[in-house]
Amino acid sequence: MVVLETLMFLPGAGGDTTLWRPVAEGLSHRGPRRFFAWPGFSGAPSDASVRGLDDLAHRVVAEITGPVVLFAQSMGGLIALRAALAVPQQVRALVLSVTSGGIDVGPLGAVDWRAEFAKSNPDVPRWFLDARDDMSERLREIRAPALLLWGDADPISPVAVGRRLAQLLPNSTLVVVPGGTHDLVRERADAVLPHVEQYLRALGPVL
């Protein structure tokens, strides 16, 4: 019997659970899809037990009961990488779109989006805006293959960030989409899909 990975889709700071849907619906992969929402983000009910990124990561890890491929947008990549470190035997692969990946992006030319985001999203938990995690050294421990999706017109997470992550993640591939913005996977799903399709096929069957 062939075991199919679950494709798990994690949103970014905006908590938009629809952002990944154009990609998810376009893939031929027959595994089930699972879309996450973050408590307290984008209208999702808040939860007093969630007080940091580690709490969000624990929630995702608790939902991983078999082999998965984790798709993550922007700040959601921090959660995906934590999950890959926590349950490496079950996270078969990562697809990270314009994520900071827990590295210092300031020297890489990234625009600090937090102040403007806080004005537009006054109900977002403060702990989230204050998070400044540095996972640089731990990223070298992740052996799962990682597909890094970037656009070259994204001031929040410029291509230099993707290049740095490609250096830190031992088994990674960086794809840069011309004209892609921070909403790359929704706006340019047509350009992203062939790369993700090829990537998933190359994983082969679950052993």
N, C-alpha and C. Protein backbone atom coordinates (compact mmCIF):
# COMPACT_ATOMS: atom_id res chain seq x y z
N MET A 1 0.85 -1.19 0.00
CA MET A 1 0.00 0.00 0.00
C MET A 1 0.89 1.25 0.00
N VAL A 2 0.56 2.18 -0.88
CA VAL A 2 1.32 3.42 -0.97
C VAL A 2 0.81 4.39 0.09
N VAL A 3 1.72 4.90 0.88
CA VAL A 3 1.37 5.91 1.88
C VAL A 3 1.59 7.29 1.27
N LEU A 4 0.59 8.15 1.37
CA LEU A 4 0.70 9.49 0.82
C LEU A 4 0.92 10.51 1.93
N GLU A 5 1.84 11.42 1.69
CA GLU A 5 2.07 12.48 2.66
C GLU A 5 0.85 13.39 2.74
N THR A 6 0.62 13.93 3.91
CA THR A 6 -0.32 15.03 4.07
C THR A 6 0.40 16.32 3.71
N LEU A 7 -0.25 17.16 2.93
CA LEU A 7 0.30 18.46 2.60
C LEU A 7 -0.30 19.46 3.59
N MET A 8 0.55 20.05 4.43
CA MET A 8 0.10 20.95 5.48
C MET A 8 0.52 22.38 5.14
N PHE A 9 -0.44 23.29 5.11
CA PHE A 9 -0.21 24.66 4.64
C PHE A 9 -0.32 25.63 5.82
N LEU A 10 0.75 26.36 6.06
CA LEU A 10 0.82 27.30 7.18
C LEU A 10 0.82 28.73 6.64
N PRO A 11 -0.04 29.59 7.19
CA PRO A 11 -0.10 30.97 6.71
C PRO A 11 1.03 31.81 7.27
N GLY A 12 1.10 33.05 6.84
CA GLY A 12 2.07 34.00 7.37
C GLY A 12 1.47 34.82 8.49
N ALA A 13 2.05 35.99 8.72
CA ALA A 13 1.62 36.83 9.83
C ALA A 13 0.17 37.28 9.68
N GLY A 14 -0.30 37.43 8.46
CA GLY A 14 -1.67 37.84 8.25
C GLY A 14 -2.69 36.78 8.58
N GLY A 15 -2.22 35.53 8.76
CA GLY A 15 -3.13 34.44 9.08
C GLY A 15 -4.06 34.04 7.95
N ASP A 16 -3.74 34.42 6.73
CA ASP A 16 -4.62 34.17 5.59
C ASP A 16 -4.55 32.71 5.16
N THR A 17 -5.58 31.95 5.50
CA THR A 17 -5.59 30.52 5.18
C THR A 17 -5.88 30.25 3.71
N THR A 18 -6.26 31.27 2.94
CA THR A 18 -6.56 31.06 1.52
C THR A 18 -5.34 31.28 0.63
N LEU A 19 -4.27 31.83 1.17
CA LEU A 19 -3.14 32.23 0.34
C LEU A 19 -2.55 31.06 -0.44
N TRP A 20 -2.46 29.89 0.19
CA TRP A 20 -1.85 28.73 -0.46
C TRP A 20 -2.81 27.98 -1.38
N ARG A 21 -4.09 28.31 -1.35
CA ARG A 21 -5.06 27.48 -2.07
C ARG A 21 -4.83 27.37 -3.57
N PRO A 22 -4.44 28.44 -4.28
CA PRO A 22 -4.17 28.27 -5.71
C PRO A 22 -3.11 27.21 -6.00
N VAL A 23 -2.08 27.15 -5.15
CA VAL A 23 -1.05 26.12 -5.32
C VAL A 23 -1.59 24.76 -4.92
N ALA A 24 -2.25 24.70 -3.77
CA ALA A 24 -2.76 23.42 -3.27
C ALA A 24 -3.73 22.78 -4.26
N GLU A 25 -4.59 23.58 -4.85
CA GLU A 25 -5.59 23.05 -5.77
C GLU A 25 -5.00 22.69 -7.13
N GLY A 26 -3.86 23.26 -7.46
CA GLY A 26 -3.26 22.97 -8.76
C GLY A 26 -2.34 21.77 -8.78
N LEU A 27 -1.97 21.25 -7.61
CA LEU A 27 -1.04 20.13 -7.54
C LEU A 27 -1.72 18.81 -7.86
N SER A 28 -1.01 17.91 -8.51
CA SER A 28 -1.55 16.58 -8.81
C SER A 28 -1.36 15.61 -7.65
N HIS A 29 -0.57 15.96 -6.67
CA HIS A 29 -0.32 15.11 -5.51
C HIS A 29 -1.66 14.68 -4.90
N ARG A 30 -1.80 13.38 -4.61
CA ARG A 30 -3.09 12.84 -4.16
C ARG A 30 -3.24 12.83 -2.65
N GLY A 31 -2.25 13.32 -1.93
CA GLY A 31 -2.34 13.35 -0.48
C GLY A 31 -3.35 14.38 0.02
N PRO A 32 -3.86 14.19 1.23
CA PRO A 32 -4.81 15.16 1.79
C PRO A 32 -4.16 16.51 2.06
N ARG A 33 -4.97 17.55 2.02
CA ARG A 33 -4.53 18.92 2.32
C ARG A 33 -5.04 19.31 3.70
N ARG A 34 -4.19 20.02 4.43
CA ARG A 34 -4.58 20.51 5.76
C ARG A 34 -4.14 21.96 5.86
N PHE A 35 -5.10 22.86 6.12
CA PHE A 35 -4.82 24.29 6.19
C PHE A 35 -4.93 24.75 7.64
N PHE A 36 -3.89 25.42 8.11
CA PHE A 36 -3.85 25.90 9.48
C PHE A 36 -4.28 27.35 9.58
N ALA A 37 -4.86 27.69 10.74
CA ALA A 37 -5.11 29.08 11.12
C ALA A 37 -4.39 29.32 12.44
N TRP A 38 -3.91 30.53 12.65
CA TRP A 38 -3.24 30.86 13.90
C TRP A 38 -4.24 31.49 14.87
N PRO A 39 -4.34 31.01 16.09
CA PRO A 39 -5.25 31.59 17.08
C PRO A 39 -4.95 33.08 17.30
N GLY A 40 -6.00 33.89 17.19
CA GLY A 40 -5.84 35.33 17.40
C GLY A 40 -5.42 36.11 16.17
N PHE A 41 -5.26 35.43 15.03
CA PHE A 41 -4.84 36.10 13.80
C PHE A 41 -5.97 36.04 12.78
N SER A 42 -6.14 37.15 12.07
CA SER A 42 -7.08 37.21 10.94
C SER A 42 -8.47 36.71 11.31
N GLY A 43 -8.93 37.08 12.49
CA GLY A 43 -10.28 36.72 12.89
C GLY A 43 -10.44 35.36 13.52
N ALA A 44 -9.38 34.56 13.56
CA ALA A 44 -9.47 33.25 14.21
C ALA A 44 -9.59 33.45 15.73
N PRO A 45 -10.35 32.61 16.42
CA PRO A 45 -10.51 32.76 17.87
C PRO A 45 -9.16 32.73 18.58
N SER A 46 -8.98 33.61 19.55
CA SER A 46 -7.73 33.63 20.31
C SER A 46 -7.71 32.50 21.32
N ASP A 47 -6.53 32.21 21.83
CA ASP A 47 -6.34 31.14 22.81
C ASP A 47 -5.28 31.59 23.79
N ALA A 48 -5.67 31.72 25.06
CA ALA A 48 -4.75 32.23 26.08
C ALA A 48 -3.55 31.32 26.29
N SER A 49 -3.64 30.06 25.87
CA SER A 49 -2.52 29.14 26.05
C SER A 49 -1.42 29.36 25.02
N VAL A 50 -1.71 30.12 23.98
CA VAL A 50 -0.71 30.41 22.95
C VAL A 50 -0.06 31.74 23.28
N ARG A 51 1.21 31.66 23.69
CA ARG A 51 1.91 32.87 24.14
C ARG A 51 3.24 33.07 23.42
N GLY A 52 3.48 32.30 22.37
CA GLY A 52 4.73 32.46 21.64
C GLY A 52 4.78 31.53 20.44
N LEU A 53 5.84 31.70 19.64
CA LEU A 53 6.00 30.87 18.45
C LEU A 53 6.14 29.40 18.79
N ASP A 54 6.76 29.09 19.93
CA ASP A 54 6.90 27.69 20.32
C ASP A 54 5.53 27.05 20.54
N ASP A 55 4.57 27.82 21.08
CA ASP A 55 3.23 27.28 21.29
C ASP A 55 2.56 26.97 19.96
N LEU A 56 2.75 27.85 18.97
CA LEU A 56 2.21 27.57 17.64
C LEU A 56 2.86 26.33 17.04
N ALA A 57 4.16 26.22 17.22
CA ALA A 57 4.87 25.05 16.70
C ALA A 57 4.38 23.77 17.34
N HIS A 58 4.13 23.80 18.65
CA HIS A 58 3.62 22.61 19.34
C HIS A 58 2.26 22.19 18.77
N ARG A 59 1.44 23.17 18.41
CA ARG A 59 0.13 22.86 17.83
C ARG A 59 0.28 22.14 16.49
N VAL A 60 1.20 22.65 15.68
CA VAL A 60 1.42 22.02 14.38
C VAL A 60 1.98 20.61 14.56
N VAL A 61 2.98 20.47 15.42
CA VAL A 61 3.58 19.16 15.64
C VAL A 61 2.56 18.16 16.15
N ALA A 62 1.63 18.61 16.99
CA ALA A 62 0.60 17.72 17.53
C ALA A 62 -0.31 17.18 16.44
N GLU A 63 -0.42 17.90 15.32
CA GLU A 63 -1.26 17.47 14.21
C GLU A 63 -0.54 16.56 13.23
N ILE A 64 0.77 16.40 13.41
CA ILE A 64 1.55 15.56 12.50
C ILE A 64 1.54 14.14 13.02
N THR A 65 0.73 13.32 12.40
CA THR A 65 0.60 11.92 12.83
C THR A 65 1.16 10.93 11.81
N GLY A 66 1.71 11.45 10.75
CA GLY A 66 2.31 10.62 9.70
C GLY A 66 3.19 11.50 8.85
N PRO A 67 3.67 10.99 7.71
CA PRO A 67 4.56 11.79 6.87
C PRO A 67 3.87 13.03 6.32
N VAL A 68 4.56 14.15 6.35
CA VAL A 68 3.99 15.41 5.87
C VAL A 68 5.00 16.17 5.02
N VAL A 69 4.46 17.03 4.17
CA VAL A 69 5.23 18.09 3.54
C VAL A 69 4.65 19.39 4.08
N LEU A 70 5.50 20.22 4.65
CA LEU A 70 5.05 21.48 5.24
C LEU A 70 5.28 22.62 4.25
N PHE A 71 4.20 23.33 3.95
CA PHE A 71 4.25 24.53 3.13
C PHE A 71 4.07 25.71 4.08
N ALA A 72 4.91 26.73 3.97
CA ALA A 72 4.81 27.85 4.90
C ALA A 72 5.09 29.17 4.20
N GLN A 73 4.27 30.16 4.56
CA GLN A 73 4.41 31.51 4.02
C GLN A 73 5.06 32.42 5.05
N SER A 74 6.08 33.15 4.63
CA SER A 74 6.68 34.22 5.42
C SER A 74 6.98 33.79 6.86
N MET A 75 6.38 34.45 7.86
CA MET A 75 6.67 34.12 9.25
C MET A 75 6.22 32.70 9.63
N GLY A 76 5.32 32.13 8.86
CA GLY A 76 4.93 30.74 9.09
C GLY A 76 6.09 29.78 8.91
N GLY A 77 7.11 30.24 8.17
CA GLY A 77 8.30 29.40 8.00
C GLY A 77 9.01 29.12 9.30
N LEU A 78 8.94 30.04 10.25
CA LEU A 78 9.53 29.81 11.56
C LEU A 78 8.90 28.60 12.23
N ILE A 79 7.59 28.46 12.06
CA ILE A 79 6.87 27.33 12.66
C ILE A 79 7.23 26.04 11.93
N ALA A 80 7.28 26.10 10.60
CA ALA A 80 7.62 24.91 9.82
C ALA A 80 9.01 24.40 10.16
N LEU A 81 9.96 25.30 10.32
CA LEU A 81 11.33 24.89 10.63
C LEU A 81 11.42 24.30 12.03
N ARG A 82 10.68 24.86 12.98
CA ARG A 82 10.63 24.27 14.32
C ARG A 82 10.06 22.86 14.27
N ALA A 83 9.02 22.67 13.48
CA ALA A 83 8.42 21.34 13.35
C ALA A 83 9.40 20.35 12.73
N ALA A 84 10.15 20.81 11.73
CA ALA A 84 11.13 19.93 11.08
C ALA A 84 12.21 19.50 12.05
N LEU A 85 12.56 20.37 12.98
CA LEU A 85 13.54 20.03 14.00
C LEU A 85 12.94 19.11 15.06
N ALA A 86 11.66 19.29 15.37
CA ALA A 86 11.02 18.51 16.44
C ALA A 86 10.70 17.09 16.01
N VAL A 87 10.23 16.91 14.77
CA VAL A 87 9.84 15.57 14.30
C VAL A 87 10.46 15.32 12.92
N PRO A 88 11.79 15.24 12.85
CA PRO A 88 12.46 15.11 11.55
C PRO A 88 12.09 13.83 10.81
N GLN A 89 11.70 12.79 11.54
CA GLN A 89 11.36 11.54 10.89
C GLN A 89 10.02 11.61 10.16
N GLN A 90 9.20 12.61 10.45
CA GLN A 90 7.89 12.72 9.81
C GLN A 90 7.79 13.87 8.81
N VAL A 91 8.62 14.88 8.96
CA VAL A 91 8.61 15.98 7.99
C VAL A 91 9.51 15.59 6.82
N ARG A 92 8.88 15.16 5.75
CA ARG A 92 9.64 14.68 4.60
C ARG A 92 10.28 15.83 3.83
N ALA A 93 9.60 16.98 3.79
CA ALA A 93 10.11 18.07 2.98
C ALA A 93 9.44 19.37 3.40
N LEU A 94 10.06 20.47 2.98
CA LEU A 94 9.56 21.81 3.27
C LEU A 94 9.43 22.59 1.97
N VAL A 95 8.37 23.39 1.89
CA VAL A 95 8.23 24.37 0.81
C VAL A 95 8.03 25.71 1.50
N LEU A 96 9.05 26.56 1.45
CA LEU A 96 9.03 27.82 2.18
C LEU A 96 8.97 28.99 1.20
N SER A 97 7.96 29.82 1.37
CA SER A 97 7.80 30.97 0.50
C SER A 97 8.14 32.26 1.25
N VAL A 98 9.08 33.00 0.76
CA VAL A 98 9.50 34.31 1.25
C VAL A 98 9.60 34.39 2.77
N THR A 99 10.14 33.34 3.39
CA THR A 99 10.21 33.29 4.85
C THR A 99 11.48 33.95 5.37
N SER A 100 11.40 34.42 6.61
CA SER A 100 12.61 34.95 7.25
C SER A 100 13.46 33.81 7.78
N GLY A 101 12.80 32.71 8.14
CA GLY A 101 13.54 31.53 8.58
C GLY A 101 14.31 31.71 9.86
N GLY A 102 13.96 32.73 10.65
CA GLY A 102 14.63 32.91 11.92
C GLY A 102 16.05 33.42 11.81
N ILE A 103 16.33 34.19 10.76
CA ILE A 103 17.65 34.79 10.63
C ILE A 103 17.51 36.31 10.66
N ASP A 104 18.61 37.00 10.88
CA ASP A 104 18.61 38.45 10.92
C ASP A 104 18.55 38.97 9.49
N VAL A 105 17.37 39.49 9.11
CA VAL A 105 17.18 39.89 7.72
C VAL A 105 17.54 41.35 7.46
N GLY A 106 17.74 42.14 8.55
CA GLY A 106 18.07 43.54 8.38
C GLY A 106 19.30 43.77 7.52
N PRO A 107 20.43 43.11 7.81
CA PRO A 107 21.63 43.31 6.99
C PRO A 107 21.47 42.81 5.55
N LEU A 108 20.41 42.04 5.29
CA LEU A 108 20.18 41.50 3.95
C LEU A 108 19.24 42.38 3.13
N GLY A 109 18.93 43.56 3.67
CA GLY A 109 18.15 44.53 2.91
C GLY A 109 16.65 44.47 3.09
N ALA A 110 16.18 43.71 4.07
CA ALA A 110 14.73 43.58 4.28
C ALA A 110 14.15 44.82 4.93
N VAL A 111 12.97 45.21 4.49
CA VAL A 111 12.23 46.31 5.10
C VAL A 111 11.52 45.78 6.34
N ASP A 112 11.60 46.53 7.45
CA ASP A 112 10.90 46.13 8.68
C ASP A 112 9.42 46.44 8.54
N TRP A 113 8.61 45.41 8.47
CA TRP A 113 7.18 45.52 8.20
C TRP A 113 6.33 45.60 9.46
N ARG A 114 6.92 45.39 10.63
CA ARG A 114 6.14 45.16 11.84
C ARG A 114 5.32 46.37 12.28
N ALA A 115 5.90 47.57 12.25
CA ALA A 115 5.17 48.75 12.73
C ALA A 115 3.92 48.99 11.89
N GLU A 116 4.05 48.93 10.59
CA GLU A 116 2.90 49.14 9.71
C GLU A 116 1.88 48.02 9.88
N PHE A 117 2.37 46.80 10.04
CA PHE A 117 1.48 45.66 10.23
C PHE A 117 0.68 45.81 11.52
N ALA A 118 1.34 46.27 12.58
CA ALA A 118 0.66 46.45 13.86
C ALA A 118 -0.45 47.49 13.75
N LYS A 119 -0.23 48.56 12.99
CA LYS A 119 -1.27 49.57 12.80
C LYS A 119 -2.48 49.00 12.08
N SER A 120 -2.22 48.16 11.09
CA SER A 120 -3.32 47.59 10.30
C SER A 120 -3.99 46.41 10.98
N ASN A 121 -3.28 45.80 11.95
CA ASN A 121 -3.79 44.61 12.63
C ASN A 121 -3.64 44.79 14.15
N PRO A 122 -4.43 45.70 14.74
CA PRO A 122 -4.23 46.03 16.16
C PRO A 122 -4.50 44.89 17.13
N ASP A 123 -5.20 43.86 16.68
CA ASP A 123 -5.53 42.75 17.57
C ASP A 123 -4.50 41.62 17.56
N VAL A 124 -3.49 41.72 16.70
CA VAL A 124 -2.47 40.67 16.64
C VAL A 124 -1.71 40.63 17.96
N PRO A 125 -1.45 39.43 18.51
CA PRO A 125 -0.75 39.33 19.80
C PRO A 125 0.60 40.04 19.79
N ARG A 126 0.89 40.74 20.86
CA ARG A 126 2.13 41.50 20.98
C ARG A 126 3.36 40.61 20.95
N TRP A 127 3.25 39.40 21.53
CA TRP A 127 4.41 38.52 21.55
C TRP A 127 4.88 38.18 20.14
N PHE A 128 3.92 38.16 19.22
CA PHE A 128 4.27 37.83 17.85
C PHE A 128 5.11 38.95 17.23
N LEU A 129 4.70 40.18 17.46
CA LEU A 129 5.42 41.31 16.89
C LEU A 129 6.80 41.49 17.52
N ASP A 130 6.94 41.05 18.76
CA ASP A 130 8.21 41.21 19.48
C ASP A 130 9.20 40.08 19.23
N ALA A 131 8.77 39.02 18.58
CA ALA A 131 9.64 37.85 18.38
C ALA A 131 10.84 38.21 17.51
N ARG A 132 12.02 37.84 17.98
CA ARG A 132 13.27 38.08 17.23
C ARG A 132 14.14 36.84 17.31
N ASP A 133 13.60 35.71 16.98
CA ASP A 133 14.31 34.45 17.12
C ASP A 133 15.43 34.32 16.09
N ASP A 134 16.57 33.80 16.52
CA ASP A 134 17.68 33.53 15.62
C ASP A 134 17.93 32.02 15.61
N MET A 135 17.56 31.38 14.49
CA MET A 135 17.70 29.93 14.36
C MET A 135 18.86 29.55 13.45
N SER A 136 19.74 30.50 13.17
CA SER A 136 20.76 30.30 12.13
C SER A 136 21.53 29.00 12.29
N GLU A 137 22.04 28.74 13.48
CA GLU A 137 22.86 27.56 13.68
C GLU A 137 22.04 26.27 13.63
N ARG A 138 20.83 26.31 14.16
CA ARG A 138 20.01 25.10 14.18
C ARG A 138 19.52 24.71 12.78
N LEU A 139 19.45 25.67 11.87
CA LEU A 139 18.99 25.35 10.53
C LEU A 139 19.90 24.33 9.86
N ARG A 140 21.16 24.30 10.24
CA ARG A 140 22.10 23.35 9.64
C ARG A 140 21.77 21.90 10.02
N GLU A 141 20.95 21.72 11.05
CA GLU A 141 20.57 20.38 11.49
C GLU A 141 19.45 19.78 10.65
N ILE A 142 18.77 20.59 9.88
CA ILE A 142 17.59 20.11 9.13
C ILE A 142 18.05 19.40 7.87
N ARG A 143 17.73 18.13 7.77
CA ARG A 143 18.14 17.32 6.63
C ARG A 143 17.04 17.16 5.58
N ALA A 144 15.82 17.50 5.94
CA ALA A 144 14.72 17.38 4.97
C ALA A 144 14.98 18.33 3.80
N PRO A 145 14.68 17.91 2.59
CA PRO A 145 14.84 18.82 1.45
C PRO A 145 13.91 20.02 1.60
N ALA A 146 14.38 21.17 1.17
CA ALA A 146 13.60 22.40 1.28
C ALA A 146 13.59 23.12 -0.06
N LEU A 147 12.39 23.41 -0.55
CA LEU A 147 12.23 24.23 -1.74
C LEU A 147 11.95 25.66 -1.28
N LEU A 148 12.79 26.59 -1.68
CA LEU A 148 12.68 27.99 -1.26
C LEU A 148 12.15 28.81 -2.43
N LEU A 149 10.99 29.42 -2.24
CA LEU A 149 10.32 30.17 -3.30
C LEU A 149 10.43 31.67 -2.99
N TRP A 150 10.99 32.40 -3.93
CA TRP A 150 11.18 33.84 -3.73
C TRP A 150 10.76 34.62 -4.96
N GLY A 151 10.38 35.87 -4.74
CA GLY A 151 10.16 36.80 -5.83
C GLY A 151 11.21 37.89 -5.76
N ASP A 152 11.57 38.44 -6.90
CA ASP A 152 12.63 39.46 -6.89
C ASP A 152 12.08 40.88 -6.73
N ALA A 153 10.78 40.99 -6.40
CA ALA A 153 10.17 42.31 -6.16
C ALA A 153 9.52 42.34 -4.78
N ASP A 154 10.19 41.74 -3.81
CA ASP A 154 9.65 41.64 -2.46
C ASP A 154 10.57 42.38 -1.49
N PRO A 155 10.19 43.58 -1.04
CA PRO A 155 11.06 44.31 -0.12
C PRO A 155 11.06 43.75 1.30
N ILE A 156 10.02 42.99 1.66
CA ILE A 156 9.91 42.44 3.01
C ILE A 156 10.89 41.29 3.20
N SER A 157 10.99 40.44 2.19
CA SER A 157 11.94 39.33 2.24
C SER A 157 12.65 39.25 0.89
N PRO A 158 13.66 40.07 0.69
CA PRO A 158 14.35 40.10 -0.60
C PRO A 158 15.10 38.81 -0.91
N VAL A 159 15.52 38.69 -2.14
CA VAL A 159 16.17 37.46 -2.59
C VAL A 159 17.41 37.14 -1.76
N ALA A 160 18.08 38.15 -1.24
CA ALA A 160 19.26 37.90 -0.41
C ALA A 160 18.93 37.03 0.80
N VAL A 161 17.71 37.14 1.30
CA VAL A 161 17.28 36.30 2.42
C VAL A 161 17.18 34.85 1.96
N GLY A 162 16.60 34.64 0.80
CA GLY A 162 16.50 33.29 0.25
C GLY A 162 17.88 32.68 0.02
N ARG A 163 18.80 33.48 -0.47
CA ARG A 163 20.16 32.98 -0.71
C ARG A 163 20.82 32.57 0.60
N ARG A 164 20.60 33.37 1.64
CA ARG A 164 21.19 33.04 2.94
C ARG A 164 20.61 31.75 3.49
N LEU A 165 19.30 31.58 3.38
CA LEU A 165 18.68 30.33 3.83
C LEU A 165 19.19 29.14 3.03
N ALA A 166 19.40 29.34 1.75
CA ALA A 166 19.93 28.26 0.91
C ALA A 166 21.32 27.84 1.37
N GLN A 167 22.08 28.78 1.92
CA GLN A 167 23.41 28.45 2.46
C GLN A 167 23.30 27.68 3.77
N LEU A 168 22.28 28.00 4.57
CA LEU A 168 22.16 27.41 5.90
C LEU A 168 21.47 26.05 5.88
N LEU A 169 20.49 25.88 5.01
CA LEU A 169 19.76 24.61 4.95
C LEU A 169 20.53 23.65 4.04
N PRO A 170 20.99 22.52 4.57
CA PRO A 170 21.92 21.66 3.82
C PRO A 170 21.36 21.08 2.52
N ASN A 171 20.04 20.89 2.44
CA ASN A 171 19.46 20.22 1.28
C ASN A 171 18.35 21.09 0.71
N SER A 172 18.74 22.24 0.18
CA SER A 172 17.73 23.21 -0.27
C SER A 172 17.96 23.64 -1.71
N THR A 173 16.86 24.09 -2.32
CA THR A 173 16.87 24.60 -3.69
C THR A 173 16.13 25.93 -3.71
N LEU A 174 16.75 26.95 -4.24
CA LEU A 174 16.15 28.28 -4.31
C LEU A 174 15.63 28.53 -5.72
N VAL A 175 14.34 28.94 -5.79
CA VAL A 175 13.72 29.33 -7.05
C VAL A 175 13.29 30.78 -6.93
N VAL A 176 13.72 31.62 -7.86
CA VAL A 176 13.37 33.04 -7.86
C VAL A 176 12.44 33.32 -9.04
N VAL A 177 11.27 33.86 -8.73
CA VAL A 177 10.27 34.18 -9.76
C VAL A 177 10.37 35.67 -10.09
N PRO A 178 10.69 36.01 -11.33
CA PRO A 178 10.78 37.43 -11.71
C PRO A 178 9.46 38.16 -11.45
N GLY A 179 9.54 39.31 -10.81
CA GLY A 179 8.36 40.11 -10.54
C GLY A 179 7.53 39.65 -9.36
N GLY A 180 7.96 38.59 -8.69
CA GLY A 180 7.19 38.07 -7.57
C GLY A 180 7.28 38.96 -6.35
N THR A 181 6.15 39.16 -5.66
CA THR A 181 6.09 39.99 -4.46
C THR A 181 5.96 39.09 -3.23
N HIS A 182 5.59 39.69 -2.10
CA HIS A 182 5.44 38.92 -0.87
C HIS A 182 4.24 37.99 -0.92
N ASP A 183 3.31 38.24 -1.83
CA ASP A 183 2.17 37.35 -2.05
C ASP A 183 2.42 36.42 -3.23
N LEU A 184 3.67 36.06 -3.39
CA LEU A 184 4.12 35.27 -4.54
C LEU A 184 3.24 34.07 -4.83
N VAL A 185 2.97 33.23 -3.82
CA VAL A 185 2.31 31.95 -4.10
C VAL A 185 0.86 32.12 -4.53
N ARG A 186 0.26 33.26 -4.20
CA ARG A 186 -1.10 33.50 -4.68
C ARG A 186 -1.08 34.23 -6.02
N GLU A 187 -0.28 35.27 -6.13
CA GLU A 187 -0.28 36.08 -7.34
C GLU A 187 0.37 35.38 -8.52
N ARG A 188 1.37 34.52 -8.24
CA ARG A 188 2.11 33.86 -9.31
C ARG A 188 2.06 32.34 -9.17
N ALA A 189 0.89 31.84 -8.81
CA ALA A 189 0.74 30.39 -8.66
C ALA A 189 1.10 29.66 -9.94
N ASP A 190 0.82 30.28 -11.10
CA ASP A 190 1.13 29.65 -12.38
C ASP A 190 2.62 29.43 -12.55
N ALA A 191 3.43 30.35 -12.03
CA ALA A 191 4.88 30.22 -12.15
C ALA A 191 5.44 29.30 -11.08
N VAL A 192 4.79 29.27 -9.90
CA VAL A 192 5.28 28.47 -8.78
C VAL A 192 4.94 26.99 -8.95
N LEU A 193 3.75 26.72 -9.46
CA LEU A 193 3.25 25.34 -9.51
C LEU A 193 4.19 24.33 -10.18
N PRO A 194 4.76 24.61 -11.35
CA PRO A 194 5.63 23.60 -11.97
C PRO A 194 6.82 23.22 -11.09
N HIS A 195 7.37 24.18 -10.37
CA HIS A 195 8.52 23.89 -9.50
C HIS A 195 8.09 23.01 -8.32
N VAL A 196 6.93 23.31 -7.74
CA VAL A 196 6.46 22.51 -6.61
C VAL A 196 6.08 21.11 -7.08
N GLU A 197 5.45 21.03 -8.23
CA GLU A 197 5.05 19.73 -8.79
C GLU A 197 6.28 18.83 -9.00
N GLN A 198 7.29 19.38 -9.63
CA GLN A 198 8.52 18.61 -9.86
C GLN A 198 9.18 18.20 -8.56
N TYR A 199 9.18 19.10 -7.62
CA TYR A 199 9.79 18.87 -6.32
C TYR A 199 9.11 17.72 -5.58
N LEU A 200 7.78 17.72 -5.57
CA LEU A 200 7.04 16.66 -4.87
C LEU A 200 7.24 15.30 -5.57
N ARG A 201 7.27 15.30 -6.88
CA ARG A 201 7.47 14.04 -7.60
C ARG A 201 8.85 13.47 -7.31
N ALA A 202 9.84 14.34 -7.14
CA ALA A 202 11.20 13.87 -6.90
C ALA A 202 11.36 13.23 -5.52
N LEU A 203 10.42 13.50 -4.61
CA LEU A 203 10.52 12.90 -3.28
C LEU A 203 10.40 11.38 -3.33
N GLY A 204 9.62 10.89 -4.29
CA GLY A 204 9.40 9.45 -4.37
C GLY A 204 8.42 8.96 -3.31
N PRO A 205 8.14 7.66 -3.29
CA PRO A 205 7.16 7.12 -2.34
C PRO A 205 7.69 7.12 -0.92
N VAL A 206 6.76 7.16 0.02
CA VAL A 206 7.11 7.04 1.43
C VAL A 206 7.53 5.61 1.70
N LEU A 207 8.69 5.42 2.31
CA LEU A 207 9.19 4.07 2.58
C LEU A 207 8.82 3.62 3.98
